[in-house]
C-alpha cells in the first residue's frame, strides 16, 4: 500500500529531533515548493547537511529524498480539485473527445512540470553505456515497449522487446550487469510485470522504470525512476497516463540520439 508523506510526518513529529523537526516544519509548510527543489537546495536553505535531509527521508519511510519528493508530489496532485471532471459531463456522449484531450494535456503538463531531470540524465547516460537495452511491459504497456524498441534500434542501439510475457521472462533472465532493463507499467494492478522485475533484479542489470507515480511495487527495485502523473482515475485518466509515458520514452530517445549525433 502506498504511504502518505504528510500524514506520516505529522504522526511521528513528536519523536523527531530538533533538526528533523526543522525539516518537517519546512515540508509541512511548503510542500508545493519542496517538490521542485533538490536535496542540496533544501539543506542549504535550512542550513543543514545534505546527509541530515537524506536521513530524514529514510526516517519517514522512503529510500531517499527523491522517493519522498515523488510521493509528496503524487499526494498533492490527489488533493487538487478535479477541475476537468467538474467542467465536463461524463454521461454526455458528445464530450468524450473533449474529456480525453483535456485530461491528456493536463497529464502531459503535470508530468513535464514534475520531471526529474537528474533521473532523465542518468537514464540517458546508462543507455549510452549499456551493452544491450531491453524493454519490458505487459498488457497495454507492451505496445509502448515495442514502439520504443523500434525507435532505439533504428538509431543503432542494441535494443529489443517482446510482446509475449513468456518471452519477456526468458529474456529477463539473460540480462547481465552491463545491460539496461527499461520497465514500463501503467498501474500497480499490472501484476504480470512483477515476476519479470524479480528475474531482472537477479541479473544485476540496471533497471529504469517508466510508471504512474503511484506504482510503488514496480518502483521498489528501480535504479532510476521516471514518473507520469494524472489528476484523474477514470478511463480517460488512464489513457492520459499512456500518452505521458510515451512522451517520457520519446524524451529518452530524442536526448539519447542527440548526444550520439554530437559524438559522431
C-alpha atoms as a PDB file:
ATOM      1  CA  UNK A   1       0.000   0.000   0.000  1.00  0.00           C
ATOM      2  CA  UNK A   2       1.280   3.437  -0.854  1.00  0.00           C
ATOM      3  CA  UNK A   3       2.445   5.577   2.019  1.00  0.00           C
ATOM      4  CA  UNK A   4       1.175   9.139   2.521  1.00  0.00           C
ATOM      5  CA  UNK A   5       4.046  11.533   3.150  1.00  0.00           C
ATOM      6  CA  UNK A   6       2.458  14.457   5.017  1.00  0.00           C
ATOM      7  CA  UNK A   7       0.322  12.361   7.419  1.00  0.00           C
ATOM      8  CA  UNK A   8       3.368  10.214   8.207  1.00  0.00           C
ATOM      9  CA  UNK A   9       5.467  13.271   9.055  1.00  0.00           C
ATOM     10  CA  UNK A  10       2.721  14.587  11.325  1.00  0.00           C
ATOM     11  CA  UNK A  11       2.304  11.215  13.046  1.00  0.00           C
ATOM     12  CA  UNK A  12       5.984  10.924  14.024  1.00  0.00           C
ATOM     13  CA  UNK A  13       6.601  14.633  14.620  1.00  0.00           C
ATOM     14  CA  UNK A  14       6.798  14.384  18.407  1.00  0.00           C
ATOM     15  CA  UNK A  15       9.548  11.741  18.150  1.00  0.00           C
ATOM     16  CA  UNK A  16      11.779  13.785  15.841  1.00  0.00           C
ATOM     17  CA  UNK A  17      14.992  15.519  16.848  1.00  0.00           C
ATOM     18  CA  UNK A  18      15.247  19.318  16.651  1.00  0.00           C
ATOM     19  CA  UNK A  19      16.976  19.167  13.272  1.00  0.00           C
ATOM     20  CA  UNK A  20      14.396  16.695  11.978  1.00  0.00           C
ATOM     21  CA  UNK A  21      11.565  18.922  13.208  1.00  0.00           C
ATOM     22  CA  UNK A  22      13.141  21.807  11.306  1.00  0.00           C
ATOM     23  CA  UNK A  23      12.943  19.745   8.104  1.00  0.00           C
ATOM     24  CA  UNK A  24       9.442  18.518   8.930  1.00  0.00           C
ATOM     25  CA  UNK A  25       8.187  22.058   9.519  1.00  0.00           C
ATOM     26  CA  UNK A  26       9.621  23.191   6.205  1.00  0.00           C
ATOM     27  CA  UNK A  27       7.984  20.334   4.275  1.00  0.00           C
ATOM     28  CA  UNK A  28       4.622  20.676   6.035  1.00  0.00           C
ATOM     29  CA  UNK A  29       4.535  24.432   5.407  1.00  0.00           C
ATOM     30  CA  UNK A  30       5.919  24.406   1.851  1.00  0.00           C
ATOM     31  CA  UNK A  31       5.061  21.088   0.132  1.00  0.00           C
ATOM     32  CA  UNK A  32       4.467  22.745  -3.266  1.00  0.00           C
ATOM     33  CA  UNK A  33       7.937  24.279  -3.093  1.00  0.00           C
ATOM     34  CA  UNK A  34       9.753  21.168  -1.866  1.00  0.00           C
ATOM     35  CA  UNK A  35       8.673  19.018  -4.831  1.00  0.00           C
ATOM     36  CA  UNK A  36      10.632  21.333  -7.141  1.00  0.00           C
ATOM     37  CA  UNK A  37      13.792  21.505  -5.010  1.00  0.00           C
ATOM     38  CA  UNK A  38      16.897  19.340  -4.865  1.00  0.00           C
ATOM     39  CA  UNK A  39      18.195  17.886  -1.620  1.00  0.00           C
ATOM     40  CA  UNK A  40      21.034  20.433  -1.765  1.00  0.00           C
ATOM     41  CA  UNK A  41      18.611  23.352  -2.036  1.00  0.00           C
ATOM     42  CA  UNK A  42      16.567  22.191   0.948  1.00  0.00           C
ATOM     43  CA  UNK A  43      19.688  21.554   3.024  1.00  0.00           C
ATOM     44  CA  UNK A  44      21.217  24.930   2.134  1.00  0.00           C
ATOM     45  CA  UNK A  45      18.013  26.805   2.943  1.00  0.00           C
ATOM     46  CA  UNK A  46      17.717  25.100   6.329  1.00  0.00           C
ATOM     47  CA  UNK A  47      21.477  25.336   6.945  1.00  0.00           C
ATOM     48  CA  UNK A  48      21.745  21.609   7.434  1.00  0.00           C
ATOM     49  CA  UNK A  49      23.895  18.903   5.871  1.00  0.00           C
ATOM     50  CA  UNK A  50      22.582  17.015   2.855  1.00  0.00           C
ATOM     51  CA  UNK A  51      23.020  13.815   4.844  1.00  0.00           C
ATOM     52  CA  UNK A  52      20.639  15.124   7.520  1.00  0.00           C
ATOM     53  CA  UNK A  53      17.894  15.668   4.947  1.00  0.00           C
ATOM     54  CA  UNK A  54      18.603  12.259   3.432  1.00  0.00           C
ATOM     55  CA  UNK A  55      18.349  10.554   6.848  1.00  0.00           C
ATOM     56  CA  UNK A  56      15.067  12.367   7.467  1.00  0.00           C
ATOM     57  CA  UNK A  57      13.683  10.899   4.230  1.00  0.00           C
ATOM     58  CA  UNK A  58      14.686   7.438   5.451  1.00  0.00           C
ATOM     59  CA  UNK A  59      13.146   8.153   8.858  1.00  0.00           C
ATOM     60  CA  UNK A  60       9.829   8.972   7.198  1.00  0.00           C
ATOM     61  CA  UNK A  61       9.969   5.648   5.361  1.00  0.00           C
ATOM     62  CA  UNK A  62      11.454   6.331   1.929  1.00  0.00           C
ATOM     63  CA  UNK A  63      14.593   5.098   0.143  1.00  0.00           C
ATOM     64  CA  UNK A  64      15.818   8.677  -0.182  1.00  0.00           C
ATOM     65  CA  UNK A  65      14.893  12.311  -0.744  1.00  0.00           C
ATOM     66  CA  UNK A  66      13.808  11.797  -4.347  1.00  0.00           C
ATOM     67  CA  UNK A  67      11.452   8.963  -3.406  1.00  0.00           C
ATOM     68  CA  UNK A  68       9.934  11.122  -0.665  1.00  0.00           C
ATOM     69  CA  UNK A  69       9.575  14.043  -3.082  1.00  0.00           C
ATOM     70  CA  UNK A  70       7.758  11.918  -5.668  1.00  0.00           C
ATOM     71  CA  UNK A  71       5.377  10.594  -3.003  1.00  0.00           C
ATOM     72  CA  UNK A  72       4.742  14.153  -1.852  1.00  0.00           C
ATOM     73  CA  UNK A  73       4.069  15.323  -5.421  1.00  0.00           C
ATOM     74  CA  UNK A  74       1.639  12.473  -6.004  1.00  0.00           C
ATOM     75  CA  UNK A  75      -0.115  13.285  -2.740  1.00  0.00           C
ATOM     76  CA  UNK A  76      -0.500  16.944  -3.714  1.00  0.00           C
ATOM     77  CA  UNK A  77      -1.903  16.000  -7.107  1.00  0.00           C
ATOM     78  CA  UNK A  78      -4.514  13.755  -5.497  1.00  0.00           C
ATOM     79  CA  UNK A  79      -5.589  16.598  -3.233  1.00  0.00           C
ATOM     80  CA  UNK A  80      -6.132  19.002  -6.144  1.00  0.00           C
ATOM     81  CA  UNK A  81      -9.729  19.657  -7.201  1.00  0.00           C
ATOM     82  CA  UNK A  82     -10.804  17.571 -10.192  1.00  0.00           C
ATOM     83  CA  UNK A  83     -11.457  20.616 -12.398  1.00  0.00           C
ATOM     84  CA  UNK A  84     -11.639  18.689 -15.657  1.00  0.00           C
ATOM     85  CA  UNK A  85     -14.461  16.444 -14.485  1.00  0.00           C
ATOM     86  CA  UNK A  86     -16.411  19.317 -12.981  1.00  0.00           C
ATOM     87  CA  UNK A  87     -16.495  21.055 -16.372  1.00  0.00           C
ATOM     88  CA  UNK A  88     -17.432  18.004 -18.430  1.00  0.00           C
ATOM     89  CA  UNK A  89     -20.403  15.710 -18.007  1.00  0.00           C
ATOM     90  CA  UNK A  90     -19.101  12.162 -18.467  1.00  0.00           C
ATOM     91  CA  UNK A  91     -22.642  10.960 -19.302  1.00  0.00           C
ATOM     92  CA  UNK A  92     -22.840  13.312 -22.268  1.00  0.00           C
ATOM     93  CA  UNK A  93     -21.910  11.221 -25.322  1.00  0.00           C
ATOM     94  CA  UNK A  94     -20.751  14.361 -27.140  1.00  0.00           C
ATOM     95  CA  UNK A  95     -17.986  15.011 -24.600  1.00  0.00           C
ATOM     96  CA  UNK A  96     -15.609  12.002 -24.558  1.00  0.00           C
ATOM     97  CA  UNK A  97     -13.207  13.586 -27.036  1.00  0.00           C
ATOM     98  CA  UNK A  98     -13.055  16.824 -25.066  1.00  0.00           C
ATOM     99  CA  UNK A  99     -12.588  14.891 -21.829  1.00  0.00           C
ATOM    100  CA  UNK A 100      -9.769  12.810 -23.298  1.00  0.00           C
ATOM    101  CA  UNK A 101      -7.896  15.733 -24.853  1.00  0.00           C
ATOM    102  CA  UNK A 102      -8.150  17.976 -21.791  1.00  0.00           C
ATOM    103  CA  UNK A 103      -7.125  15.158 -19.459  1.00  0.00           C
ATOM    104  CA  UNK A 104      -4.183  14.254 -21.675  1.00  0.00           C
ATOM    105  CA  UNK A 105      -2.999  17.858 -21.922  1.00  0.00           C
ATOM    106  CA  UNK A 106      -3.205  18.208 -18.132  1.00  0.00           C
ATOM    107  CA  UNK A 107      -1.289  14.948 -17.638  1.00  0.00           C
ATOM    108  CA  UNK A 108       1.462  15.964 -20.056  1.00  0.00           C
ATOM    109  CA  UNK A 109       1.835  19.369 -18.415  1.00  0.00           C
ATOM    110  CA  UNK A 110       1.987  17.881 -14.911  1.00  0.00           C
ATOM    111  CA  UNK A 111       4.445  15.174 -15.980  1.00  0.00           C
ATOM    112  CA  UNK A 112       6.735  17.766 -17.551  1.00  0.00           C
ATOM    113  CA  UNK A 113       6.410  20.096 -14.555  1.00  0.00           C
ATOM    114  CA  UNK A 114       7.490  17.346 -12.145  1.00  0.00           C
ATOM    115  CA  UNK A 115      10.042  15.727 -14.460  1.00  0.00           C
ATOM    116  CA  UNK A 116      13.161  14.691 -12.566  1.00  0.00           C
ATOM    117  CA  UNK A 117      15.804  15.991 -14.971  1.00  0.00           C
ATOM    118  CA  UNK A 118      18.578  14.387 -12.944  1.00  0.00           C
ATOM    119  CA  UNK A 119      16.936  10.962 -13.282  1.00  0.00           C
ATOM    120  CA  UNK A 120      16.430  11.578 -17.010  1.00  0.00           C
ATOM    121  CA  UNK A 121      20.119  12.432 -17.439  1.00  0.00           C
ATOM    122  CA  UNK A 122      21.167   9.317 -15.513  1.00  0.00           C
ATOM    123  CA  UNK A 123      18.881   7.163 -17.663  1.00  0.00           C
ATOM    124  CA  UNK A 124      20.348   8.591 -20.880  1.00  0.00           C
ATOM    125  CA  UNK A 125      23.905   8.029 -19.648  1.00  0.00           C
ATOM    126  CA  UNK A 126      23.081   4.460 -18.653  1.00  0.00           C
ATOM    127  CA  UNK A 127      21.593   3.719 -22.081  1.00  0.00           C
ATOM    128  CA  UNK A 128      24.613   5.148 -23.887  1.00  0.00           C
ATOM    129  CA  UNK A 129      26.976   2.955 -21.848  1.00  0.00           C
ATOM    130  CA  UNK A 130      24.931  -0.251 -21.960  1.00  0.00           C
ATOM    131  CA  UNK A 131      25.740  -3.353 -23.978  1.00  0.00           C
ATOM    132  CA  UNK A 132      22.052  -4.035 -24.507  1.00  0.00           C
ATOM    133  CA  UNK A 133      18.784  -2.206 -23.809  1.00  0.00           C
ATOM    134  CA  UNK A 134      15.797  -4.460 -23.198  1.00  0.00           C
ATOM    135  CA  UNK A 135      12.259  -3.032 -22.961  1.00  0.00           C
ATOM    136  CA  UNK A 136       9.613  -4.719 -20.814  1.00  0.00           C
ATOM    137  CA  UNK A 137       5.896  -4.112 -20.451  1.00  0.00           C
ATOM    138  CA  UNK A 138       2.755  -6.210 -20.112  1.00  0.00           C
ATOM    139  CA  UNK A 139      -0.814  -5.539 -21.224  1.00  0.00           C
ATOM    140  CA  UNK A 140      -1.130  -2.035 -22.746  1.00  0.00           C
ATOM    141  CA  UNK A 141       2.446  -1.189 -21.744  1.00  0.00           C
ATOM    142  CA  UNK A 142       3.765  -3.904 -24.071  1.00  0.00           C
ATOM    143  CA  UNK A 143       2.881  -1.715 -27.054  1.00  0.00           C
ATOM    144  CA  UNK A 144       4.891   1.176 -25.611  1.00  0.00           C
ATOM    145  CA  UNK A 145       7.832  -1.165 -25.063  1.00  0.00           C
ATOM    146  CA  UNK A 146       7.671  -2.352 -28.667  1.00  0.00           C
ATOM    147  CA  UNK A 147       7.374   1.203 -30.002  1.00  0.00           C
ATOM    148  CA  UNK A 148      10.445   2.284 -28.027  1.00  0.00           C
ATOM    149  CA  UNK A 149      12.406  -0.737 -29.227  1.00  0.00           C
ATOM    150  CA  UNK A 150      11.772   0.222 -32.862  1.00  0.00           C
ATOM    151  CA  UNK A 151      12.947   3.786 -32.261  1.00  0.00           C
ATOM    152  CA  UNK A 152      16.093   2.958 -30.293  1.00  0.00           C
ATOM    153  CA  UNK A 153      17.129   0.104 -32.577  1.00  0.00           C
ATOM    154  CA  UNK A 154      16.688   2.322 -35.653  1.00  0.00           C
ATOM    155  CA  UNK A 155      19.199   4.725 -34.061  1.00  0.00           C
ATOM    156  CA  UNK A 156      21.800   1.961 -33.874  1.00  0.00           C
ATOM    157  CA  UNK A 157      21.309   0.979 -30.234  1.00  0.00           C
ATOM    158  CA  UNK A 158      21.299  -2.729 -29.406  1.00  0.00           C
ATOM    159  CA  UNK A 159      17.699  -2.873 -28.208  1.00  0.00           C
ATOM    160  CA  UNK A 160      14.926  -5.465 -28.163  1.00  0.00           C
ATOM    161  CA  UNK A 161      11.404  -6.107 -26.869  1.00  0.00           C
ATOM    162  CA  UNK A 162       8.771  -8.839 -26.927  1.00  0.00           C
ATOM    163  CA  UNK A 163       5.003  -8.654 -26.665  1.00  0.00           C
ATOM    164  CA  UNK A 164       4.610 -12.090 -25.059  1.00  0.00           C
ATOM    165  CA  UNK A 165       5.102 -12.186 -21.283  1.00  0.00           C
ATOM    166  CA  UNK A 166       6.699 -15.650 -21.507  1.00  0.00           C
ATOM    167  CA  UNK A 167       9.431 -14.386 -23.849  1.00  0.00           C
ATOM    168  CA  UNK A 168       9.962 -11.355 -21.615  1.00  0.00           C
ATOM    169  CA  UNK A 169      10.567 -13.645 -18.638  1.00  0.00           C
ATOM    170  CA  UNK A 170      13.105 -15.675 -20.625  1.00  0.00           C
ATOM    171  CA  UNK A 171      14.868 -12.532 -21.861  1.00  0.00           C
ATOM    172  CA  UNK A 172      14.927 -11.017 -18.374  1.00  0.00           C
ATOM    173  CA  UNK A 173      16.916 -13.987 -17.096  1.00  0.00           C
ATOM    174  CA  UNK A 174      19.597 -13.489 -19.794  1.00  0.00           C
ATOM    175  CA  UNK A 175      20.486  -9.906 -18.864  1.00  0.00           C
ATOM    176  CA  UNK A 176      23.852  -9.020 -17.342  1.00  0.00           C
ATOM    177  CA  UNK A 177      25.135  -6.228 -15.129  1.00  0.00           C
ATOM    178  CA  UNK A 178      26.218  -4.394 -18.290  1.00  0.00           C
ATOM    179  CA  UNK A 179      22.659  -4.302 -19.661  1.00  0.00           C
ATOM    180  CA  UNK A 180      19.718  -1.952 -19.165  1.00  0.00           C
ATOM    181  CA  UNK A 181      16.132  -3.050 -18.478  1.00  0.00           C
ATOM    182  CA  UNK A 182      13.513  -0.379 -19.161  1.00  0.00           C
ATOM    183  CA  UNK A 183      10.299  -1.453 -17.439  1.00  0.00           C
ATOM    184  CA  UNK A 184       7.036   0.272 -18.376  1.00  0.00           C
ATOM    185  CA  UNK A 185       3.886  -0.102 -16.286  1.00  0.00           C
ATOM    186  CA  UNK A 186       0.685   1.912 -16.055  1.00  0.00           C
ATOM    187  CA  UNK A 187      -0.637   0.798 -12.691  1.00  0.00           C
ATOM    188  CA  UNK A 188       0.015  -1.341  -9.630  1.00  0.00           C
ATOM    189  CA  UNK A 189      -2.672  -3.708 -10.911  1.00  0.00           C
ATOM    190  CA  UNK A 190      -0.349  -4.871 -13.722  1.00  0.00           C
ATOM    191  CA  UNK A 191       0.733  -7.904 -11.729  1.00  0.00           C
ATOM    192  CA  UNK A 192       2.246  -9.595 -14.791  1.00  0.00           C
ATOM    193  CA  UNK A 193       5.248  -7.268 -14.693  1.00  0.00           C
ATOM    194  CA  UNK A 194       6.267  -8.181 -11.126  1.00  0.00           C
ATOM    195  CA  UNK A 195       7.677 -11.670 -11.916  1.00  0.00           C
ATOM    196  CA  UNK A 196       9.647 -10.060 -14.753  1.00  0.00           C
ATOM    197  CA  UNK A 197      11.048  -7.480 -12.326  1.00  0.00           C
ATOM    198  CA  UNK A 198      12.134 -10.274  -9.971  1.00  0.00           C
ATOM    199  CA  UNK A 199      14.013 -12.019 -12.788  1.00  0.00           C
ATOM    200  CA  UNK A 200      15.713  -8.785 -13.863  1.00  0.00           C
ATOM    201  CA  UNK A 201      16.964  -7.996 -10.353  1.00  0.00           C
ATOM    202  CA  UNK A 202      18.667 -11.397 -10.123  1.00  0.00           C
ATOM    203  CA  UNK A 203      20.910 -10.448 -13.052  1.00  0.00           C
ATOM    204  CA  UNK A 204      22.293  -7.171 -11.688  1.00  0.00           C
ATOM    205  CA  UNK A 205      21.113  -5.230 -14.745  1.00  0.00           C
ATOM    206  CA  UNK A 206      20.326  -1.543 -14.266  1.00  0.00           C
ATOM    207  CA  UNK A 207      16.554  -1.023 -14.024  1.00  0.00           C
ATOM    208  CA  UNK A 208      14.896   2.104 -15.415  1.00  0.00           C
ATOM    209  CA  UNK A 209      11.163   2.326 -14.696  1.00  0.00           C
ATOM    210  CA  UNK A 210       8.595   4.439 -16.535  1.00  0.00           C
ATOM    211  CA  UNK A 211       5.431   4.304 -14.440  1.00  0.00           C
ATOM    212  CA  UNK A 212       2.470   6.029 -12.888  1.00  0.00           C
ATOM    213  CA  UNK A 213       3.566   7.975  -9.800  1.00  0.00           C
ATOM    214  CA  UNK A 214       1.600   5.595  -7.542  1.00  0.00           C
ATOM    215  CA  UNK A 215       3.157   2.414  -8.944  1.00  0.00           C
ATOM    216  CA  UNK A 216       5.055   1.579  -5.773  1.00  0.00           C
ATOM    217  CA  UNK A 217       5.505  -2.165  -6.332  1.00  0.00           C
ATOM    218  CA  UNK A 218       7.237  -1.792  -9.696  1.00  0.00           C
ATOM    219  CA  UNK A 219       9.403   1.096  -8.477  1.00  0.00           C
ATOM    220  CA  UNK A 220      10.541  -0.719  -5.341  1.00  0.00           C
ATOM    221  CA  UNK A 221      13.687  -2.054  -7.010  1.00  0.00           C
ATOM    222  CA  UNK A 222      14.218   0.643  -9.645  1.00  0.00           C
ATOM    223  CA  UNK A 223      17.687   2.136 -10.022  1.00  0.00           C
ATOM    224  CA  UNK A 224      16.296   5.085 -11.986  1.00  0.00           C
ATOM    225  CA  UNK A 225      12.605   6.054 -11.956  1.00  0.00           C
ATOM    226  CA  UNK A 226      10.667   8.292 -14.342  1.00  0.00           C
ATOM    227  CA  UNK A 227       7.082   9.122 -13.420  1.00  0.00           C
ATOM    228  CA  UNK A 228       3.920  10.114 -15.246  1.00  0.00           C
ATOM    229  CA  UNK A 229       1.127  11.968 -13.473  1.00  0.00           C
ATOM    230  CA  UNK A 230      -2.613  12.448 -13.817  1.00  0.00           C
ATOM    231  CA  UNK A 231      -5.338  14.039 -11.696  1.00  0.00           C
ATOM    232  CA  UNK A 232      -8.000  11.591 -12.822  1.00  0.00           C
ATOM    233  CA  UNK A 233      -8.864   7.966 -12.088  1.00  0.00           C
ATOM    234  CA  UNK A 234     -11.442   7.317 -14.866  1.00  0.00           C
ATOM    235  CA  UNK A 235     -10.647   5.715 -18.238  1.00  0.00           C
ATOM    236  CA  UNK A 236      -9.550   8.987 -19.858  1.00  0.00           C
ATOM    237  CA  UNK A 237      -7.113   9.442 -16.979  1.00  0.00           C
ATOM    238  CA  UNK A 238      -5.529   6.048 -17.655  1.00  0.00           C
ATOM    239  CA  UNK A 239      -5.271   6.865 -21.362  1.00  0.00           C
ATOM    240  CA  UNK A 240      -3.629  10.177 -20.493  1.00  0.00           C
ATOM    241  CA  UNK A 241      -1.013   8.292 -18.454  1.00  0.00           C
ATOM    242  CA  UNK A 242      -0.142   6.248 -21.540  1.00  0.00           C
ATOM    243  CA  UNK A 243       0.397   9.470 -23.515  1.00  0.00           C
ATOM    244  CA  UNK A 244       2.593  10.886 -20.738  1.00  0.00           C
ATOM    245  CA  UNK A 245       4.649   7.695 -20.592  1.00  0.00           C
ATOM    246  CA  UNK A 246       5.073   7.751 -24.364  1.00  0.00           C
ATOM    247  CA  UNK A 247       6.345  11.332 -24.050  1.00  0.00           C
ATOM    248  CA  UNK A 248       8.855  10.248 -21.372  1.00  0.00           C
ATOM    249  CA  UNK A 249      10.102   7.393 -23.555  1.00  0.00           C
ATOM    250  CA  UNK A 250      10.364   9.707 -26.557  1.00  0.00           C
ATOM    251  CA  UNK A 251      12.302  12.208 -24.436  1.00  0.00           C
ATOM    252  CA  UNK A 252      14.714   9.406 -23.557  1.00  0.00           C
ATOM    253  CA  UNK A 253      15.053   8.525 -27.230  1.00  0.00           C
ATOM    254  CA  UNK A 254      15.466  12.072 -28.554  1.00  0.00           C
ATOM    255  CA  UNK A 255      18.036  13.080 -25.930  1.00  0.00           C
ATOM    256  CA  UNK A 256      19.997   9.873 -26.406  1.00  0.00           C
ATOM    257  CA  UNK A 257      20.104  10.286 -30.180  1.00  0.00           C
ATOM    258  CA  UNK A 258      21.045  13.959 -29.818  1.00  0.00           C
ATOM    259  CA  UNK A 259      24.107  13.035 -27.746  1.00  0.00           C
ATOM    260  CA  UNK A 260      25.022  10.234 -30.149  1.00  0.00           C
ATOM    261  CA  UNK A 261      24.914  12.653 -33.095  1.00  0.00           C
ATOM    262  CA  UNK A 262      27.141  15.143 -31.288  1.00  0.00           C
ATOM    263  CA  UNK A 263      29.706  12.473 -30.501  1.00  0.00           C
ATOM    264  CA  UNK A 264      29.788  11.000 -34.001  1.00  0.00           C
END
